[in-house]
Protein backbone atom coordinates (compact mmCIF):
# COMPACT_ATOMS: atom_id res chain seq x y z
CA MET A 1 -0.35 -0.26 0.40
CA GLY A 2 2.64 2.29 0.94
CA LEU A 3 2.15 6.26 0.57
CA VAL A 4 -0.64 7.68 -1.11
CA LEU A 5 -1.71 11.70 -1.59
CA LEU A 6 -5.10 12.85 -2.34
CA GLN A 7 -4.95 15.95 -3.68
CA ASP A 8 -7.45 18.58 -5.01
CA ALA A 9 -9.68 17.63 -2.51
CA ARG A 10 -12.65 19.11 -0.66
CA ILE A 11 -12.28 17.29 2.29
CA VAL A 12 -15.24 17.25 4.60
CA ASP A 13 -15.49 15.15 7.69
CA PRO A 14 -18.30 16.32 10.28
CA ALA A 15 -16.52 14.64 13.43
CA ASN A 16 -13.90 17.14 13.15
CA GLY A 17 -16.10 19.98 11.46
CA LEU A 18 -14.40 20.32 8.52
CA ASP A 19 -14.89 21.04 5.29
CA MET A 20 -11.96 22.04 2.94
CA LYS A 21 -9.88 22.18 0.33
CA GLY A 22 -6.67 20.42 0.73
CA GLU A 23 -4.64 17.18 1.14
CA LEU A 24 -4.87 13.54 2.31
CA LEU A 25 -2.22 11.21 2.71
CA ILE A 26 -2.41 7.52 3.12
CA ALA A 27 0.48 6.34 4.67
CA GLU A 28 -0.09 1.58 5.23
CA ASP A 29 -3.32 1.63 6.58
CA LYS A 30 -3.70 5.12 8.33
CA ILE A 31 -4.02 8.94 7.80
CA ALA A 32 -0.85 9.82 7.90
CA ALA A 33 -1.43 14.04 7.36
CA VAL A 34 -4.50 16.17 6.71
CA GLY A 35 -4.17 19.88 5.94
CA GLU A 36 -4.35 22.85 3.11
CA LYS A 37 -0.79 21.36 1.70
CA ILE A 38 1.05 18.18 3.30
CA PRO A 39 4.96 19.07 3.37
CA SER A 40 6.61 17.35 0.18
CA GLU A 41 9.39 16.00 2.67
CA LYS A 42 6.11 13.93 4.22
CA ALA A 43 4.55 13.21 1.05
CA ALA A 44 7.87 11.98 -0.65
CA GLY A 45 7.69 8.99 -2.61
CA ALA A 46 3.61 8.73 -2.38
CA GLU A 47 1.32 7.84 -4.77
CA ARG A 48 -0.10 11.50 -6.08
CA ILE A 49 -3.94 11.38 -6.92
CA ASN A 50 -5.18 14.41 -8.17
CA LEU A 51 -9.01 14.24 -7.22
CA ARG A 52 -9.73 17.79 -9.09
CA GLY A 53 -12.49 18.91 -6.70
CA LYS A 54 -14.11 15.90 -5.34
CA VAL A 55 -14.96 15.51 -2.04
CA VAL A 56 -13.37 13.58 0.44
CA CYS A 57 -14.71 12.30 4.00
CA PRO A 58 -14.69 9.33 6.18
CA GLY A 59 -15.44 6.08 4.85
CA LEU A 60 -19.38 5.31 4.75
CA ILE A 61 -20.77 3.22 6.75
CA ASP A 62 -24.93 0.84 6.35
CA MET A 63 -26.27 0.15 9.41
CA HIS A 64 -28.72 -2.20 7.42
CA VAL A 65 -27.29 -4.70 5.31
CA HIS A 66 -28.82 -8.38 4.13
CA LEU A 67 -25.81 -9.73 2.74
CA ARG A 68 -27.36 -13.15 2.51
CA GLU A 69 -25.29 -15.61 3.67
CA PRO A 70 -25.26 -18.22 4.94
CA GLY A 71 -28.03 -20.18 3.56
CA GLN A 72 -29.69 -17.91 0.54
CA CYS A 73 -26.17 -16.96 -1.39
CA ALA A 74 -28.70 -17.14 -4.75
CA LYS A 75 -29.70 -13.83 -3.37
CA GLU A 76 -26.57 -12.52 -2.22
CA THR A 77 -23.16 -13.70 -0.85
CA ILE A 78 -20.53 -11.59 1.46
CA LYS A 79 -18.51 -11.37 -1.47
CA THR A 80 -20.58 -10.14 -3.60
CA GLY A 81 -22.56 -8.09 -0.81
CA THR A 82 -19.65 -5.93 0.44
CA ALA A 83 -18.12 -5.65 -3.84
CA ALA A 84 -21.96 -3.60 -4.47
CA ALA A 85 -20.97 -1.69 -0.49
CA ALA A 86 -17.66 -0.64 -2.06
CA TRP A 87 -19.32 0.47 -5.42
CA GLY A 88 -21.15 2.32 -3.42
CA GLY A 89 -18.69 4.06 -1.38
CA PHE A 90 -19.63 1.92 1.99
CA THR A 91 -16.13 1.26 3.99
CA SER A 92 -18.39 -0.42 6.75
CA VAL A 93 -21.77 -2.31 6.67
CA VAL A 94 -23.77 -4.11 9.76
CA CYS A 95 -24.82 -7.15 8.49
CA MET A 96 -28.39 -8.46 10.07
CA PRO A 97 -29.15 -11.85 11.57
CA ASN A 98 -32.37 -13.33 9.56
CA THR A 99 -29.89 -15.95 7.46
CA GLN A 100 -30.55 -19.09 7.56
CA PRO A 101 -28.97 -20.44 10.55
CA VAL A 102 -30.21 -17.25 12.31
CA ILE A 103 -26.93 -15.53 14.05
CA ASP A 104 -28.19 -16.04 17.09
CA THR A 105 -25.29 -18.07 18.42
CA PRO A 106 -21.15 -17.32 19.74
CA SER A 107 -20.57 -19.56 16.50
CA THR A 108 -22.57 -18.63 14.05
CA VAL A 109 -21.29 -15.49 14.80
CA ALA A 110 -17.37 -16.83 14.76
CA PHE A 111 -18.44 -18.41 11.24
CA VAL A 112 -19.80 -15.14 9.69
CA THR A 113 -17.16 -13.90 11.10
CA GLU A 114 -13.97 -15.99 9.45
CA ARG A 115 -16.57 -15.66 6.01
CA CYS A 116 -16.24 -12.54 6.22
CA ARG A 117 -12.64 -12.33 6.84
CA LYS A 118 -11.69 -14.05 3.78
CA GLU A 119 -14.67 -12.65 1.39
CA ALA A 120 -15.37 -9.21 1.97
CA CYS A 121 -13.79 -6.35 0.63
CA VAL A 122 -15.34 -3.91 3.28
CA ASN A 123 -15.11 -3.75 6.44
CA VAL A 124 -18.66 -5.86 8.29
CA PHE A 125 -20.00 -5.36 11.98
CA ILE A 126 -23.14 -8.18 12.44
CA ALA A 127 -26.23 -7.67 14.56
CA GLY A 128 -27.05 -10.53 16.53
CA ALA A 129 -30.99 -12.08 16.99
CA ILE A 130 -32.32 -10.59 20.19
CA SER A 131 -34.69 -13.89 20.11
CA LYS A 132 -33.68 -17.83 19.28
CA GLY A 133 -34.23 -18.13 15.34
CA LEU A 134 -36.48 -14.98 15.67
CA GLU A 135 -39.15 -16.23 16.91
CA GLY A 136 -39.84 -13.80 19.31
CA GLU A 137 -40.69 -16.42 21.98
CA GLU A 138 -36.78 -17.18 23.62
CA MET A 139 -34.39 -14.29 24.24
CA ALA A 140 -30.96 -15.21 22.75
CA PRO A 141 -28.05 -15.43 24.63
CA ILE A 142 -27.32 -11.89 24.43
CA GLY A 143 -24.55 -11.74 26.64
CA GLY A 144 -22.61 -14.62 24.44
CA LEU A 145 -23.37 -13.01 21.39
CA LYS A 146 -21.79 -9.68 22.62
CA SER A 147 -18.19 -11.48 23.76
CA ALA A 148 -18.77 -12.96 19.76
CA GLY A 149 -18.46 -9.92 19.26
CA VAL A 150 -21.90 -8.59 17.44
CA VAL A 151 -22.37 -4.68 17.73
CA ALA A 152 -26.02 -4.55 18.18
CA ILE A 153 -29.02 -7.27 18.80
CA THR A 154 -32.80 -7.30 16.48
CA ASP A 155 -35.20 -9.43 14.78
CA ASP A 156 -34.86 -7.23 11.74
CA GLY A 157 -37.28 -8.99 9.14
CA ARG A 158 -39.17 -9.79 12.12
CA CYS A 159 -40.64 -8.16 15.32
CA ILE A 160 -40.79 -8.83 18.37
CA GLN A 161 -44.61 -9.06 19.30
CA ASN A 162 -44.16 -10.04 23.44
CA ASN A 163 -43.59 -7.06 25.14
CA ASP A 164 -42.62 -8.77 28.35
CA LEU A 165 -39.82 -10.50 26.00
CA MET A 166 -38.91 -7.07 24.13
CA ARG A 167 -38.43 -5.25 27.83
CA ARG A 168 -36.14 -8.21 28.99
CA ALA A 169 -33.94 -7.76 26.20
CA VAL A 170 -34.12 -4.40 26.27
CA GLU A 171 -32.88 -4.66 30.11
CA TYR A 172 -30.74 -7.28 29.60
CA ALA A 173 -29.04 -5.45 26.01
CA GLN A 174 -28.41 -2.79 28.19
CA LEU A 175 -25.85 -4.54 30.86
CA PHE A 176 -23.63 -4.91 27.49
CA ASP A 177 -24.07 -0.91 26.24
CA LEU A 178 -25.99 -2.63 23.15
CA LEU A 179 -27.72 -0.82 20.44
CA ILE A 180 -31.28 -2.77 19.87
CA MET A 181 -32.51 -2.26 16.21
CA ASP A 182 -36.13 -2.83 15.93
CA HIS A 183 -37.95 -3.07 12.64
CA CYS A 184 -40.99 -2.10 14.15
CA GLN A 185 -44.14 -3.95 12.92
CA ASP A 186 -47.59 -5.15 14.99
CA THR A 187 -48.46 -7.98 12.84
CA SER A 188 -51.87 -8.35 14.37
CA ALA A 189 -52.14 -4.46 12.79
CA THR A 190 -50.36 -5.27 9.81
CA SER A 191 -52.13 -8.77 8.94
CA ASP A 192 -51.56 -9.41 5.07
CA GLY A 193 -51.26 -6.25 3.98
CA VAL A 194 -48.65 -5.80 0.52
CA MET A 195 -49.11 -1.63 0.31
CA HIS A 196 -49.77 1.47 2.43
CA ALA A 197 -53.28 1.47 2.94
CA GLY A 198 -54.97 4.48 1.87
CA TYR A 199 -56.37 5.72 -1.70
CA TRP A 200 -53.88 3.76 -3.97
CA SER A 201 -54.21 0.45 -2.18
CA THR A 202 -58.08 0.81 -2.61
CA ARG A 203 -57.64 1.84 -6.33
CA LEU A 204 -55.17 -0.91 -7.07
CA GLY A 205 -57.01 -3.77 -5.50
CA LEU A 206 -53.90 -4.29 -3.10
CA ARG A 207 -54.58 -5.63 0.34
CA GLY A 208 -53.60 -2.55 2.69
CA TRP A 209 -50.93 -2.55 5.47
CA PRO A 210 -51.80 0.37 7.56
CA SER A 211 -49.10 3.19 9.14
CA LEU A 212 -50.48 2.09 12.76
CA GLY A 213 -48.31 -1.16 12.02
CA GLU A 214 -45.36 0.54 12.52
CA GLU A 215 -46.54 3.41 15.37
CA ILE A 216 -48.07 1.10 17.52
CA VAL A 217 -44.24 -0.47 18.12
CA VAL A 218 -42.66 2.97 17.93
CA ALA A 219 -44.38 4.31 20.56
CA ARG A 220 -43.64 1.00 22.50
CA ASN A 221 -40.03 1.21 22.03
CA ILE A 222 -40.36 5.00 23.10
CA LEU A 223 -42.04 3.95 26.51
CA LEU A 224 -39.17 1.49 27.08
CA ALA A 225 -36.32 3.78 26.49
CA LYS A 226 -38.08 6.33 29.08
CA ARG A 227 -38.69 3.82 31.66
CA ILE A 228 -35.18 1.61 31.20
CA GLY A 229 -33.22 4.16 30.28
CA ALA A 230 -31.61 2.21 27.55
CA ARG A 231 -30.98 2.56 23.78
CA ILE A 232 -33.32 1.79 21.00
CA TYR A 233 -32.89 2.45 17.44
CA CYS A 234 -36.26 1.87 15.35
CA GLN A 235 -35.57 0.91 11.59
CA HIS A 236 -36.91 1.70 8.24
CA VAL A 237 -39.00 4.57 9.63
CA SER A 238 -41.62 5.32 6.96
CA SER A 239 -44.49 6.88 8.87
CA ALA A 240 -45.39 10.73 9.55
CA GLU A 241 -46.69 9.81 12.61
CA SER A 242 -43.25 7.54 13.84
CA VAL A 243 -41.41 11.02 13.21
CA SER A 244 -43.83 13.04 15.57
CA MET A 245 -43.54 10.35 18.22
CA ILE A 246 -39.14 10.77 17.62
CA ARG A 247 -39.19 14.22 18.04
CA ARG A 248 -41.58 14.70 21.04
CA ALA A 249 -39.29 11.70 22.81
CA LYS A 250 -36.32 13.26 21.99
CA SER A 251 -36.78 16.48 23.69
CA GLU A 252 -37.43 14.77 26.35
CA GLY A 253 -33.91 13.24 26.66
CA VAL A 254 -35.58 9.83 25.65
CA LYS A 255 -32.56 7.54 24.41
CA VAL A 256 -34.62 6.39 20.89
CA TYR A 257 -33.13 6.80 17.74
CA ALA A 258 -33.65 5.97 14.09
CA GLU A 259 -33.05 5.59 10.57
CA THR A 260 -35.03 6.18 7.23
CA CYS A 261 -33.96 4.84 3.80
CA PRO A 262 -33.23 6.65 0.20
CA HIS A 263 -36.19 4.85 -1.41
CA TYR A 264 -38.57 6.68 1.30
CA LEU A 265 -37.45 9.80 -0.18
CA ALA A 266 -38.08 9.53 -2.96
CA LEU A 267 -40.90 7.57 -4.07
CA THR A 268 -44.63 6.79 -2.57
CA ASP A 269 -47.59 4.61 -3.13
CA MET A 270 -48.49 6.08 -5.96
CA ALA A 271 -45.52 4.43 -7.58
CA MET A 272 -47.23 0.94 -7.66
CA ALA A 273 -49.73 2.67 -10.14
CA GLY A 274 -46.97 2.78 -12.94
CA SER A 275 -44.80 5.29 -14.12
CA GLU A 276 -47.22 7.18 -16.00
CA ASP A 277 -49.69 8.36 -13.44
CA PHE A 278 -46.71 8.63 -10.80
CA TRP A 279 -45.34 11.61 -12.37
CA LYS A 280 -48.94 12.56 -13.61
CA GLY A 281 -50.28 12.86 -9.82
CA ASP A 282 -48.07 13.30 -6.43
CA GLY A 283 -44.87 12.67 -8.26
CA VAL A 284 -44.14 15.32 -10.96
CA GLY A 285 -43.78 17.96 -8.51
CA TYR A 286 -40.98 16.51 -6.90
CA PHE A 287 -39.30 14.62 -10.04
CA ASP A 288 -38.87 18.02 -11.63
CA VAL A 289 -36.43 18.45 -8.48
CA PHE A 290 -34.96 15.74 -10.50
CA THR A 291 -35.23 16.89 -13.64
CA GLY A 292 -34.17 20.02 -12.64
CA SER A 293 -30.83 18.69 -11.40
CA CYS A 294 -30.12 16.79 -13.86
CA LYS A 295 -29.80 18.05 -17.67
CA GLY A 296 -31.48 16.21 -19.99
CA ALA A 297 -33.12 13.68 -17.01
CA LYS A 298 -36.35 11.53 -18.52
CA PRO A 299 -38.49 9.74 -15.88
CA PRO A 300 -37.76 6.14 -15.51
CA GLN A 301 -40.83 4.04 -17.38
CA TRP A 302 -42.23 1.29 -14.40
CA SER A 303 -45.09 -0.73 -14.95
CA ARG A 304 -48.36 -0.99 -12.73
CA TYR A 305 -47.85 -3.50 -9.63
CA HIS A 306 -44.07 -3.76 -10.70
CA THR A 307 -42.92 -6.31 -7.41
CA ASN A 308 -39.50 -3.85 -7.19
CA PHE A 309 -41.28 -1.25 -5.30
CA LYS A 310 -42.63 -3.54 -2.98
CA MET A 311 -40.92 -3.35 0.61
CA ASN A 312 -41.32 -3.56 4.55
CA PRO A 313 -42.57 -1.28 5.67
CA PRO A 314 -43.96 -0.13 2.42
CA LEU A 315 -44.01 3.38 0.70
CA GLY A 316 -46.18 5.82 2.08
CA SER A 317 -47.83 8.31 0.90
CA ALA A 318 -46.54 12.10 -0.08
CA GLU A 319 -47.38 13.33 3.69
CA ASP A 320 -45.08 10.60 4.62
CA ARG A 321 -42.73 11.28 2.60
CA GLU A 322 -42.40 14.96 3.61
CA ALA A 323 -42.84 14.66 7.23
CA LEU A 324 -39.30 11.52 6.84
CA ILE A 325 -37.47 14.66 4.94
CA GLU A 326 -38.77 17.29 7.93
CA GLY A 327 -37.29 14.29 10.70
CA LEU A 328 -33.69 13.98 9.00
CA ARG A 329 -33.71 18.18 7.98
CA ASP A 330 -34.05 18.62 11.78
CA GLY A 331 -31.91 16.08 13.53
CA THR A 332 -34.96 13.91 14.69
CA LEU A 333 -33.94 11.15 11.92
CA ASP A 334 -30.23 9.98 12.71
CA VAL A 335 -29.66 7.93 10.04
CA ILE A 336 -29.60 7.03 6.38
CA SER A 337 -29.17 3.28 5.27
CA SER A 338 -30.51 1.29 2.84
CA ASP A 339 -32.27 -1.50 3.94
CA HIS A 340 -30.31 -3.77 1.19
CA ALA A 341 -32.66 -6.71 0.66
CA PRO A 342 -31.56 -8.60 -2.69
CA HIS A 343 -33.49 -11.40 -3.76
CA CYS A 344 -33.35 -13.41 -7.01
CA GLY A 345 -35.29 -11.71 -10.48
CA HIS A 346 -37.41 -15.41 -10.31
CA GLU A 347 -38.65 -14.46 -7.10
CA LYS A 348 -40.11 -11.37 -7.87
CA GLU A 349 -40.85 -11.95 -11.45
CA VAL A 350 -44.16 -13.16 -9.66
CA GLU A 351 -47.72 -11.43 -8.94
CA TYR A 352 -47.08 -8.98 -6.63
CA ASP A 353 -49.36 -10.49 -3.59
CA VAL A 354 -47.38 -13.02 -3.64
CA ALA A 355 -43.35 -11.38 -4.39
CA PRO A 356 -41.14 -11.31 -1.25
CA PHE A 357 -40.75 -7.71 0.47
CA GLY A 358 -37.39 -5.81 0.28
CA ILE A 359 -35.14 -3.99 -2.54
CA ILE A 360 -31.12 -3.30 -2.92
CA GLY A 361 -30.02 -0.43 -2.12
CA LEU A 362 -26.73 0.06 -1.35
CA GLU A 363 -25.23 1.33 -4.66
CA THR A 364 -27.47 4.10 -5.51
CA GLU A 365 -28.07 4.76 -1.42
CA LEU A 366 -25.17 7.59 -1.71
CA GLY A 367 -26.56 9.58 -4.93
CA MET A 368 -30.11 9.48 -3.92
CA ALA A 369 -29.83 11.05 -0.53
CA MET A 370 -27.25 13.64 -2.54
CA THR A 371 -30.29 14.18 -5.05
CA SER A 372 -33.21 13.92 -2.49
CA LEU A 373 -31.38 16.08 0.02
CA TYR A 374 -28.71 17.59 -1.07
CA HIS A 375 -29.46 19.74 -4.50
CA ARG A 376 -32.98 20.29 -2.45
CA LYS A 377 -31.13 21.99 -0.28
CA VAL A 378 -32.92 20.25 2.57
CA LEU A 379 -29.34 19.65 4.01
CA SER A 380 -25.57 20.67 3.54
CA LEU A 381 -22.95 18.36 1.83
CA SER A 382 -21.81 18.03 5.37
CA GLU A 383 -24.98 17.07 7.18
CA VAL A 384 -25.67 14.82 4.38
CA ILE A 385 -21.80 13.13 5.36
CA ARG A 386 -22.76 12.96 9.09
CA LYS A 387 -25.91 10.86 8.53
CA PHE A 388 -23.56 8.05 6.90
CA THR A 389 -20.46 8.32 9.06
CA ALA A 390 -19.93 10.00 12.73
CA THR A 391 -23.91 9.38 13.48
CA PRO A 392 -23.50 5.65 13.23
CA ALA A 393 -20.03 5.38 14.56
CA GLU A 394 -21.07 6.59 17.84
CA LEU A 395 -24.62 4.97 17.96
CA ILE A 396 -22.70 0.86 17.69
CA ARG A 397 -19.18 2.44 19.75
CA ILE A 398 -16.94 1.39 16.36
CA ASP A 399 -14.03 3.53 15.86
CA LYS A 400 -15.25 4.59 12.63
CA GLY A 401 -16.67 7.55 10.85
CA THR A 402 -13.50 10.41 11.51
CA LEU A 403 -10.62 11.44 8.53
CA SER A 404 -8.48 12.10 11.98
CA VAL A 405 -4.60 11.36 11.39
CA GLY A 406 -4.00 8.24 13.19
CA ALA A 407 -7.40 7.09 12.40
CA THR A 408 -7.71 3.90 9.67
CA ALA A 409 -7.76 4.90 6.46
CA ASP A 410 -11.63 4.29 5.53
CA ILE A 411 -12.30 6.91 2.39
CA THR A 412 -14.88 7.68 0.22
CA VAL A 413 -14.47 9.90 -2.88
CA PHE A 414 -17.50 11.10 -4.46
CA ASP A 415 -18.42 13.93 -7.32
CA PRO A 416 -21.66 15.79 -5.50
CA GLU A 417 -21.88 17.44 -8.58
CA GLU A 418 -21.59 14.05 -11.67
CA GLU A 419 -24.80 13.07 -13.60
CA TRP A 420 -25.40 9.60 -14.11
CA VAL A 421 -28.11 6.96 -14.87
CA TYR A 422 -28.20 3.46 -12.49
CA ASP A 423 -28.34 0.46 -14.37
CA ALA A 424 -29.07 -2.35 -11.95
CA SER A 425 -27.35 -4.83 -14.05
CA GLN A 426 -23.74 -2.90 -14.39
CA GLY A 427 -23.59 -3.12 -10.68
CA ALA A 428 -21.86 -5.43 -8.48
CA SER A 429 -24.86 -7.09 -6.12
CA LYS A 430 -25.78 -10.26 -7.44
CA SER A 431 -29.58 -9.56 -7.70
CA HIS A 432 -30.93 -6.24 -9.23
CA ASN A 433 -34.38 -5.88 -7.29
CA SER A 434 -34.02 -2.24 -7.39
CA PRO A 435 -36.25 0.41 -7.98
CA PHE A 436 -34.11 3.10 -9.22
CA ASP A 437 -32.87 1.02 -12.46
CA GLY A 438 -33.10 3.69 -15.30
CA TRP A 439 -32.99 6.82 -12.73
CA PRO A 440 -30.98 9.61 -13.07
CA ILE A 441 -28.94 10.46 -10.25
CA LYS A 442 -26.80 13.58 -9.38
CA GLY A 443 -23.75 11.95 -7.26
CA ARG A 444 -21.64 9.25 -7.40
CA VAL A 445 -18.81 7.41 -6.10
CA HIS A 446 -15.36 7.24 -7.60
CA GLY A 447 -13.36 5.26 -4.80
CA THR A 448 -13.61 3.21 -2.05
CA TRP A 449 -10.17 2.88 0.64
CA VAL A 450 -10.46 0.50 3.43
CA ALA A 451 -7.31 0.87 6.09
CA GLY A 452 -5.40 1.84 2.89
CA ARG A 453 -6.33 0.06 0.17
CA GLN A 454 -8.27 1.05 -2.55
CA VAL A 455 -11.41 -1.86 -2.90
CA TYR A 456 -12.86 0.35 -5.69
CA SER A 457 -12.11 2.77 -8.20
CA LEU A 458 -14.70 4.05 -11.21
CA GLU A 459 -12.10 4.58 -13.38
CA LYS A 460 -9.95 1.39 -13.11
């Protein structure tokens, strides 16, 4: 690896309050210097890379990724999933435990850790299960999982329905300072719904999924965090009322945190009606932002009932979308994550009712966040980057998310102004189930370094 000098860069490091033009020197696996001009004697013999004004920031962190290994390697593997992460600028990901077998024992954690050591091109942190087998009946060995190296616990893909079990799990996780990440879904409220309950579910004849299913569990988590004093993190928040409750709880000092995903910022339930209806309806004003940002951009085309728009929780209303954007603006929502959930093509190429929930997102996540938030002037560049770096690192207690001298050289380089069109078939993920296939995006990753080694280069 040796010495690498990144020159003519815009260096943005929210953890250190940096936003400056300058240079960054990598020595082996560490950041050796950051400044307006690195002394020539310090950078003697370094490989010099002129970035021509591109942004250099701490390596991005995604707290919510399904790598599918072990057990579902037809959908994704640790190798392909981490390659997709590098493609999207992510140097660290947190993998979810809903694999086969479930990551609910120290031995399974050890297996995944060893597979990642051999196959992963980015850092993989592991989330263990809250309950054995994700069955929601008996608590997993949380202390053993912590000792094995997990950074959080979650039953993601499912939700603990037994409130007493959840209370005891929260109390136990607090002893080990483990973040509890919760997939917020009261299954008695969502029942067999497949899309957001409202006008469009009625018009399209699809079973409705009320937002109440999310909001009931968000309220439960707030109460548990308040009574116990523990840290609870609500995953993939999609409802305006959820944002409102979390905002109110935070104002009272409750340790509740939350993420949302780029698809909830760019789409609504009207997407199920097909692209023609979407752009004629509440989506058209929103897409004007894209066409205003991306010269010559054309609205992508998709058919009615397209299963690449089916995810859990489902896309909400236009009002939900605007509430999520405001939640990111005022800090109610702490993190942006992909909920990268790959599926085989044949699984999605079925009737909407029976298709699995989930979409991929690692490859488009930063670009869609830039398009939806930065270029709409919702968040500054530093604020967008913070939600991908310093904040997730702090929540899961990892030594990442900074460009401090001496820190591990996990670095992302991207051009916030570059316009491009995403082609899912050309990405690194093994699966192609993205709703953003064919979308114009403004903001593109050019390079990813993990521990001083470049693992992705757009040019190369």
